[in-house]
Amino acid sequence: MKINIVGPGNMGRAIATRALVGGHGVCVVHPDADPARAIAEELRQRFPDGECDWAASAGPADVTVLALRYDAALQFARSSGAALAGQVLVDICNPIDVSTMDGRVTPPDSSAAEEIQQIVGTDVKVVKAFNTTFAGPLTTGEGHDFPLDVLIAGDDSAAKDKIADFVRSGAMRPFDVGPLRRARELEAMGFLHISLQQPLQLNWQSSIKILP
């Protein structure tokens, strides 16, 4: 697959790493050329046989991953939704109220993924994934010697299958947790996981694991 990674932060870098491990082509997307180019060059050095480039805007791809915070993800959806027609759009954000770090900013009967789906329309298949994982474990694909579990929600089964294939190719385990409205629970889980980091001194190295 060809995968756009929108956002040159730690999560974008980690998901791009998993994509390259799985043999997929990656394009790091950001309007500021310098960080996008820097990450693409770093990844090319780590994966000299892989396909990795950068671009100022999202072009044709099989999958576009929004490795962005909620407000930036909404802005991208509004400005680029038409260009994403026919693609699978992966939302990874946790819409936390950053002013208090004590709640979420989405309506109680919705989620970030559902809000993004409303913006981009039905020609784009939105899937929620990777919001319960952190960049450190994602970079290696495992947590404490267990394969990393990636929880996936979406209304289109073919789109979820495509993301599940991507997850497996990166040496992780996909779990289909249901329709896109299950993103509400995933985002609540992601918020809880984030809120536990400081009290439990987990240092962003923890992962949510389903056993067996």
C-alpha atoms as a PDB file:
ATOM      1  CA  MET A   1       0.000   0.000   0.000  1.00  0.00           C
ATOM      2  CA  LYS A   2       0.916   3.642  -0.338  1.00  0.00           C
ATOM      3  CA  ILE A   3       0.375   5.407   2.981  1.00  0.00           C
ATOM      4  CA  ASN A   4       0.296   9.136   3.655  1.00  0.00           C
ATOM      5  CA  ILE A   5       1.353  10.093   7.175  1.00  0.00           C
ATOM      6  CA  VAL A   6       0.030  13.580   7.941  1.00  0.00           C
ATOM      7  CA  GLY A   7       2.075  15.066  10.770  1.00  0.00           C
ATOM      8  CA  PRO A   8       5.822  14.903  11.440  1.00  0.00           C
ATOM      9  CA  GLY A   9       5.582  14.257  15.196  1.00  0.00           C
ATOM     10  CA  ASN A  10       6.507  11.219  17.259  1.00  0.00           C
ATOM     11  CA  MET A  11       3.346   9.293  16.424  1.00  0.00           C
ATOM     12  CA  GLY A  12       3.695  10.014  12.720  1.00  0.00           C
ATOM     13  CA  ARG A  13       7.288   8.826  12.785  1.00  0.00           C
ATOM     14  CA  ALA A  14       6.349   5.669  14.701  1.00  0.00           C
ATOM     15  CA  ILE A  15       3.473   4.722  12.383  1.00  0.00           C
ATOM     16  CA  ALA A  16       5.673   5.404   9.358  1.00  0.00           C
ATOM     17  CA  THR A  17       8.258   3.062  10.879  1.00  0.00           C
ATOM     18  CA  ARG A  18       5.677   0.269  11.178  1.00  0.00           C
ATOM     19  CA  ALA A  19       4.574   0.905   7.600  1.00  0.00           C
ATOM     20  CA  LEU A  20       8.107   0.605   6.287  1.00  0.00           C
ATOM     21  CA  VAL A  21       8.692  -2.542   8.331  1.00  0.00           C
ATOM     22  CA  GLY A  22       5.631  -3.946   6.566  1.00  0.00           C
ATOM     23  CA  GLY A  23       6.983  -3.085   3.129  1.00  0.00           C
ATOM     24  CA  HIS A  24       4.583  -0.228   2.372  1.00  0.00           C
ATOM     25  CA  GLY A  25       5.428   3.052   0.674  1.00  0.00           C
ATOM     26  CA  VAL A  26       5.282   6.119   2.920  1.00  0.00           C
ATOM     27  CA  CYS A  27       4.843   9.822   2.243  1.00  0.00           C
ATOM     28  CA  VAL A  28       5.289  12.211   5.188  1.00  0.00           C
ATOM     29  CA  VAL A  29       2.884  15.115   4.673  1.00  0.00           C
ATOM     30  CA  HIS A  30       3.264  18.565   6.231  1.00  0.00           C
ATOM     31  CA  PRO A  31       2.950  22.091   4.801  1.00  0.00           C
ATOM     32  CA  ASP A  32       6.282  23.009   6.391  1.00  0.00           C
ATOM     33  CA  ALA A  33       8.863  21.302   4.211  1.00  0.00           C
ATOM     34  CA  ASP A  34      11.681  21.202   6.749  1.00  0.00           C
ATOM     35  CA  PRO A  35      10.248  18.768   9.344  1.00  0.00           C
ATOM     36  CA  ALA A  36       8.641  16.564   6.699  1.00  0.00           C
ATOM     37  CA  ARG A  37      11.870  16.366   4.714  1.00  0.00           C
ATOM     38  CA  ALA A  38      13.897  15.681   7.864  1.00  0.00           C
ATOM     39  CA  ILE A  39      11.731  12.748   8.924  1.00  0.00           C
ATOM     40  CA  ALA A  40      11.640  11.318   5.402  1.00  0.00           C
ATOM     41  CA  GLU A  41      15.430  11.477   5.239  1.00  0.00           C
ATOM     42  CA  GLU A  42      15.773   9.877   8.670  1.00  0.00           C
ATOM     43  CA  LEU A  43      13.468   7.036   7.636  1.00  0.00           C
ATOM     44  CA  ARG A  44      15.310   6.533   4.343  1.00  0.00           C
ATOM     45  CA  GLN A  45      18.533   6.099   6.278  1.00  0.00           C
ATOM     46  CA  ARG A  46      16.920   3.554   8.585  1.00  0.00           C
ATOM     47  CA  PHE A  47      15.161   1.748   5.725  1.00  0.00           C
ATOM     48  CA  PRO A  48      17.426   2.133   2.681  1.00  0.00           C
ATOM     49  CA  ASP A  49      15.384  -0.414   0.723  1.00  0.00           C
ATOM     50  CA  GLY A  50      12.075   1.213   1.632  1.00  0.00           C
ATOM     51  CA  GLU A  51      10.025   3.778  -0.247  1.00  0.00           C
ATOM     52  CA  CYS A  52       9.742   7.029   1.702  1.00  0.00           C
ATOM     53  CA  ASP A  53       9.182  10.588   0.529  1.00  0.00           C
ATOM     54  CA  TRP A  54       7.581  13.814   1.738  1.00  0.00           C
ATOM     55  CA  ALA A  55       5.039  16.279   0.378  1.00  0.00           C
ATOM     56  CA  ALA A  56       3.421  19.548   1.373  1.00  0.00           C
ATOM     57  CA  SER A  57      -0.085  18.161   0.827  1.00  0.00           C
ATOM     58  CA  ALA A  58      -1.704  14.741   0.753  1.00  0.00           C
ATOM     59  CA  GLY A  59      -1.763  13.148  -2.681  1.00  0.00           C
ATOM     60  CA  PRO A  60      -3.257   9.890  -3.965  1.00  0.00           C
ATOM     61  CA  ALA A  61      -2.784   6.968  -1.585  1.00  0.00           C
ATOM     62  CA  ASP A  62      -4.487   3.842  -0.315  1.00  0.00           C
ATOM     63  CA  VAL A  63      -4.465   5.093   3.274  1.00  0.00           C
ATOM     64  CA  THR A  64      -3.979   8.501   4.872  1.00  0.00           C
ATOM     65  CA  VAL A  65      -3.146   8.573   8.575  1.00  0.00           C
ATOM     66  CA  LEU A  66      -3.989  11.734  10.513  1.00  0.00           C
ATOM     67  CA  ALA A  67      -1.169  11.789  13.072  1.00  0.00           C
ATOM     68  CA  LEU A  68      -2.481  15.095  14.392  1.00  0.00           C
ATOM     69  CA  ARG A  69      -4.155  16.552  17.449  1.00  0.00           C
ATOM     70  CA  TYR A  70      -7.915  16.901  17.315  1.00  0.00           C
ATOM     71  CA  ASP A  71      -8.131  20.549  16.273  1.00  0.00           C
ATOM     72  CA  ALA A  72      -5.506  20.071  13.561  1.00  0.00           C
ATOM     73  CA  ALA A  73      -7.226  16.882  12.369  1.00  0.00           C
ATOM     74  CA  LEU A  74     -10.517  18.754  11.967  1.00  0.00           C
ATOM     75  CA  GLN A  75      -8.756  21.527  10.061  1.00  0.00           C
ATOM     76  CA  PHE A  76      -7.098  19.019   7.735  1.00  0.00           C
ATOM     77  CA  ALA A  77     -10.408  17.248   7.131  1.00  0.00           C
ATOM     78  CA  ARG A  78     -12.078  20.532   6.161  1.00  0.00           C
ATOM     79  CA  SER A  79      -9.290  21.634   3.839  1.00  0.00           C
ATOM     80  CA  SER A  80      -8.358  18.310   2.248  1.00  0.00           C
ATOM     81  CA  GLY A  81     -11.436  16.102   2.467  1.00  0.00           C
ATOM     82  CA  ALA A  82     -12.227  16.285  -1.248  1.00  0.00           C
ATOM     83  CA  ALA A  83      -8.702  15.122  -2.133  1.00  0.00           C
ATOM     84  CA  LEU A  84      -9.165  12.007   0.020  1.00  0.00           C
ATOM     85  CA  ALA A  85     -12.086  10.530  -1.939  1.00  0.00           C
ATOM     86  CA  GLY A  86     -11.706   6.777  -2.251  1.00  0.00           C
ATOM     87  CA  GLN A  87      -9.135   6.538   0.508  1.00  0.00           C
ATOM     88  CA  VAL A  88      -9.189   5.072   3.986  1.00  0.00           C
ATOM     89  CA  LEU A  89      -8.617   7.861   6.505  1.00  0.00           C
ATOM     90  CA  VAL A  90      -7.208   6.787   9.881  1.00  0.00           C
ATOM     91  CA  ASP A  91      -7.856   9.049  12.856  1.00  0.00           C
ATOM     92  CA  ILE A  92      -5.488   8.427  15.766  1.00  0.00           C
ATOM     93  CA  CYS A  93      -6.246  11.417  18.000  1.00  0.00           C
ATOM     94  CA  ASN A  94      -7.507  11.607  21.561  1.00  0.00           C
ATOM     95  CA  PRO A  95      -9.647  14.762  21.789  1.00  0.00           C
ATOM     96  CA  ILE A  96      -8.528  15.770  25.273  1.00  0.00           C
ATOM     97  CA  ASP A  97      -9.312  19.176  26.758  1.00  0.00           C
ATOM     98  CA  VAL A  98      -5.726  20.410  26.943  1.00  0.00           C
ATOM     99  CA  SER A  99      -6.710  23.388  29.109  1.00  0.00           C
ATOM    100  CA  THR A 100      -7.606  21.084  31.994  1.00  0.00           C
ATOM    101  CA  MET A 101      -6.326  17.639  30.942  1.00  0.00           C
ATOM    102  CA  ASP A 102      -9.458  16.424  32.688  1.00  0.00           C
ATOM    103  CA  GLY A 103     -11.937  15.463  30.017  1.00  0.00           C
ATOM    104  CA  ARG A 104     -12.656  15.387  26.304  1.00  0.00           C
ATOM    105  CA  VAL A 105     -13.899  18.164  24.043  1.00  0.00           C
ATOM    106  CA  THR A 106     -16.136  16.097  21.777  1.00  0.00           C
ATOM    107  CA  PRO A 107     -19.922  15.909  22.328  1.00  0.00           C
ATOM    108  CA  PRO A 108     -20.937  13.034  24.631  1.00  0.00           C
ATOM    109  CA  ASP A 109     -22.845  11.345  21.798  1.00  0.00           C
ATOM    110  CA  SER A 110     -19.939  11.541  19.331  1.00  0.00           C
ATOM    111  CA  SER A 111     -16.180  11.087  18.919  1.00  0.00           C
ATOM    112  CA  ALA A 112     -13.331  12.690  17.061  1.00  0.00           C
ATOM    113  CA  ALA A 113     -13.537   9.983  14.397  1.00  0.00           C
ATOM    114  CA  GLU A 114     -17.269  10.522  13.895  1.00  0.00           C
ATOM    115  CA  GLU A 115     -16.833  14.292  13.682  1.00  0.00           C
ATOM    116  CA  ILE A 116     -14.137  13.817  11.034  1.00  0.00           C
ATOM    117  CA  GLN A 117     -16.361  11.385   9.108  1.00  0.00           C
ATOM    118  CA  GLN A 118     -19.137  13.986   9.001  1.00  0.00           C
ATOM    119  CA  ILE A 119     -16.720  16.549   7.560  1.00  0.00           C
ATOM    120  CA  VAL A 120     -15.131  14.392   4.837  1.00  0.00           C
ATOM    121  CA  GLY A 121     -18.326  12.677   3.708  1.00  0.00           C
ATOM    122  CA  THR A 122     -19.097   9.126   2.705  1.00  0.00           C
ATOM    123  CA  ASP A 123     -16.566   8.983  -0.156  1.00  0.00           C
ATOM    124  CA  VAL A 124     -13.865   8.739   2.512  1.00  0.00           C
ATOM    125  CA  LYS A 125     -13.875   5.737   4.863  1.00  0.00           C
ATOM    126  CA  VAL A 126     -12.811   6.828   8.343  1.00  0.00           C
ATOM    127  CA  VAL A 127     -11.257   4.257  10.676  1.00  0.00           C
ATOM    128  CA  LYS A 128     -10.233   4.829  14.287  1.00  0.00           C
ATOM    129  CA  ALA A 129      -6.930   3.171  15.206  1.00  0.00           C
ATOM    130  CA  PHE A 130      -3.664   3.708  17.101  1.00  0.00           C
ATOM    131  CA  ASN A 131      -5.157   6.112  19.661  1.00  0.00           C
ATOM    132  CA  THR A 132      -4.564   3.637  22.495  1.00  0.00           C
ATOM    133  CA  THR A 133      -0.885   3.171  21.591  1.00  0.00           C
ATOM    134  CA  PHE A 134       2.093   5.392  22.337  1.00  0.00           C
ATOM    135  CA  ALA A 135       4.958   6.297  20.027  1.00  0.00           C
ATOM    136  CA  GLY A 136       7.655   4.399  21.927  1.00  0.00           C
ATOM    137  CA  PRO A 137       6.045   0.960  21.769  1.00  0.00           C
ATOM    138  CA  LEU A 138       4.791   1.695  18.241  1.00  0.00           C
ATOM    139  CA  THR A 139       8.322   2.296  17.025  1.00  0.00           C
ATOM    140  CA  THR A 140       9.280  -1.259  18.008  1.00  0.00           C
ATOM    141  CA  GLY A 141       5.856  -2.821  17.465  1.00  0.00           C
ATOM    142  CA  GLU A 142       5.828  -4.381  20.911  1.00  0.00           C
ATOM    143  CA  GLY A 143       5.369  -3.658  24.575  1.00  0.00           C
ATOM    144  CA  HIS A 144       7.275  -5.618  27.222  1.00  0.00           C
ATOM    145  CA  ASP A 145       8.002  -8.435  24.762  1.00  0.00           C
ATOM    146  CA  PHE A 146       4.371  -8.734  23.630  1.00  0.00           C
ATOM    147  CA  PRO A 147       3.243  -7.747  20.118  1.00  0.00           C
ATOM    148  CA  LEU A 148       1.454  -4.421  20.283  1.00  0.00           C
ATOM    149  CA  ASP A 149      -2.347  -4.591  20.107  1.00  0.00           C
ATOM    150  CA  VAL A 150      -4.090  -2.082  17.832  1.00  0.00           C
ATOM    151  CA  LEU A 151      -7.834  -1.563  18.379  1.00  0.00           C
ATOM    152  CA  ILE A 152      -9.759  -0.668  15.227  1.00  0.00           C
ATOM    153  CA  ALA A 153     -13.251   0.791  14.793  1.00  0.00           C
ATOM    154  CA  GLY A 154     -15.056   1.678  11.585  1.00  0.00           C
ATOM    155  CA  ASP A 155     -18.267   1.314   9.624  1.00  0.00           C
ATOM    156  CA  ASP A 156     -16.707  -0.071   6.431  1.00  0.00           C
ATOM    157  CA  SER A 157     -15.473  -3.660   6.751  1.00  0.00           C
ATOM    158  CA  ALA A 158     -13.144  -3.439   3.742  1.00  0.00           C
ATOM    159  CA  ALA A 159     -11.510  -0.317   5.178  1.00  0.00           C
ATOM    160  CA  LYS A 160     -11.007  -2.027   8.531  1.00  0.00           C
ATOM    161  CA  ASP A 161      -9.573  -5.080   6.791  1.00  0.00           C
ATOM    162  CA  LYS A 162      -7.080  -2.854   4.997  1.00  0.00           C
ATOM    163  CA  ILE A 163      -5.911  -1.331   8.280  1.00  0.00           C
ATOM    164  CA  ALA A 164      -5.802  -4.749   9.914  1.00  0.00           C
ATOM    165  CA  ASP A 165      -3.524  -5.953   7.090  1.00  0.00           C
ATOM    166  CA  PHE A 166      -1.310  -2.918   7.636  1.00  0.00           C
ATOM    167  CA  VAL A 167      -1.145  -3.633  11.387  1.00  0.00           C
ATOM    168  CA  ARG A 168      -0.248  -7.294  10.847  1.00  0.00           C
ATOM    169  CA  SER A 169       2.423  -6.416   8.291  1.00  0.00           C
ATOM    170  CA  GLY A 170       4.080  -4.262  10.955  1.00  0.00           C
ATOM    171  CA  ALA A 171       4.300  -7.231  13.362  1.00  0.00           C
ATOM    172  CA  MET A 172       1.385  -6.079  15.533  1.00  0.00           C
ATOM    173  CA  ARG A 173      -2.044  -7.554  16.361  1.00  0.00           C
ATOM    174  CA  PRO A 174      -5.241  -5.921  15.068  1.00  0.00           C
ATOM    175  CA  PHE A 175      -8.555  -6.160  16.909  1.00  0.00           C
ATOM    176  CA  ASP A 176     -11.808  -5.125  15.248  1.00  0.00           C
ATOM    177  CA  VAL A 177     -13.864  -3.591  18.072  1.00  0.00           C
ATOM    178  CA  GLY A 178     -16.917  -2.698  16.002  1.00  0.00           C
ATOM    179  CA  PRO A 179     -18.504   0.251  14.175  1.00  0.00           C
ATOM    180  CA  LEU A 180     -17.144   3.774  14.123  1.00  0.00           C
ATOM    181  CA  ARG A 181     -19.250   4.778  17.128  1.00  0.00           C
ATOM    182  CA  ARG A 182     -17.015   2.493  19.223  1.00  0.00           C
ATOM    183  CA  ALA A 183     -14.440   5.259  18.763  1.00  0.00           C
ATOM    184  CA  ARG A 184     -16.195   6.921  21.702  1.00  0.00           C
ATOM    185  CA  GLU A 185     -15.049   4.117  23.983  1.00  0.00           C
ATOM    186  CA  LEU A 186     -11.616   3.945  22.355  1.00  0.00           C
ATOM    187  CA  GLU A 187     -11.115   7.666  22.952  1.00  0.00           C
ATOM    188  CA  ALA A 188     -12.225   7.271  26.569  1.00  0.00           C
ATOM    189  CA  MET A 189      -9.731   4.415  26.886  1.00  0.00           C
ATOM    190  CA  GLY A 190      -7.029   6.542  25.289  1.00  0.00           C
ATOM    191  CA  PHE A 191      -7.755   9.382  27.729  1.00  0.00           C
ATOM    192  CA  LEU A 192      -7.540   6.999  30.696  1.00  0.00           C
ATOM    193  CA  HIS A 193      -4.279   5.527  29.396  1.00  0.00           C
ATOM    194  CA  ILE A 194      -2.774   9.011  29.083  1.00  0.00           C
ATOM    195  CA  SER A 195      -4.007  10.085  32.526  1.00  0.00           C
ATOM    196  CA  LEU A 196      -2.291   7.095  34.168  1.00  0.00           C
ATOM    197  CA  GLN A 197       1.183   7.917  32.878  1.00  0.00           C
ATOM    198  CA  GLN A 198       2.228  10.341  35.611  1.00  0.00           C
ATOM    199  CA  PRO A 199       0.582   8.716  38.670  1.00  0.00           C
ATOM    200  CA  LEU A 200       1.944   5.286  37.778  1.00  0.00           C
ATOM    201  CA  GLN A 201       5.273   6.645  36.431  1.00  0.00           C
ATOM    202  CA  LEU A 202       4.828   4.703  33.205  1.00  0.00           C
ATOM    203  CA  ASN A 203       6.904   7.138  31.110  1.00  0.00           C
ATOM    204  CA  TRP A 204       4.755   6.595  27.984  1.00  0.00           C
ATOM    205  CA  GLN A 205       6.069   3.048  27.621  1.00  0.00           C
ATOM    206  CA  SER A 206       2.903   1.226  28.664  1.00  0.00           C
ATOM    207  CA  SER A 207       0.492  -0.503  26.310  1.00  0.00           C
ATOM    208  CA  ILE A 208      -3.050  -1.846  26.486  1.00  0.00           C
ATOM    209  CA  LYS A 209      -2.939  -5.608  26.063  1.00  0.00           C
ATOM    210  CA  ILE A 210      -5.687  -8.123  25.330  1.00  0.00           C
ATOM    211  CA  LEU A 211      -4.907 -11.600  26.652  1.00  0.00           C
ATOM    212  CA  PRO A 212      -4.656 -14.255  25.382  1.00  0.00           C
END
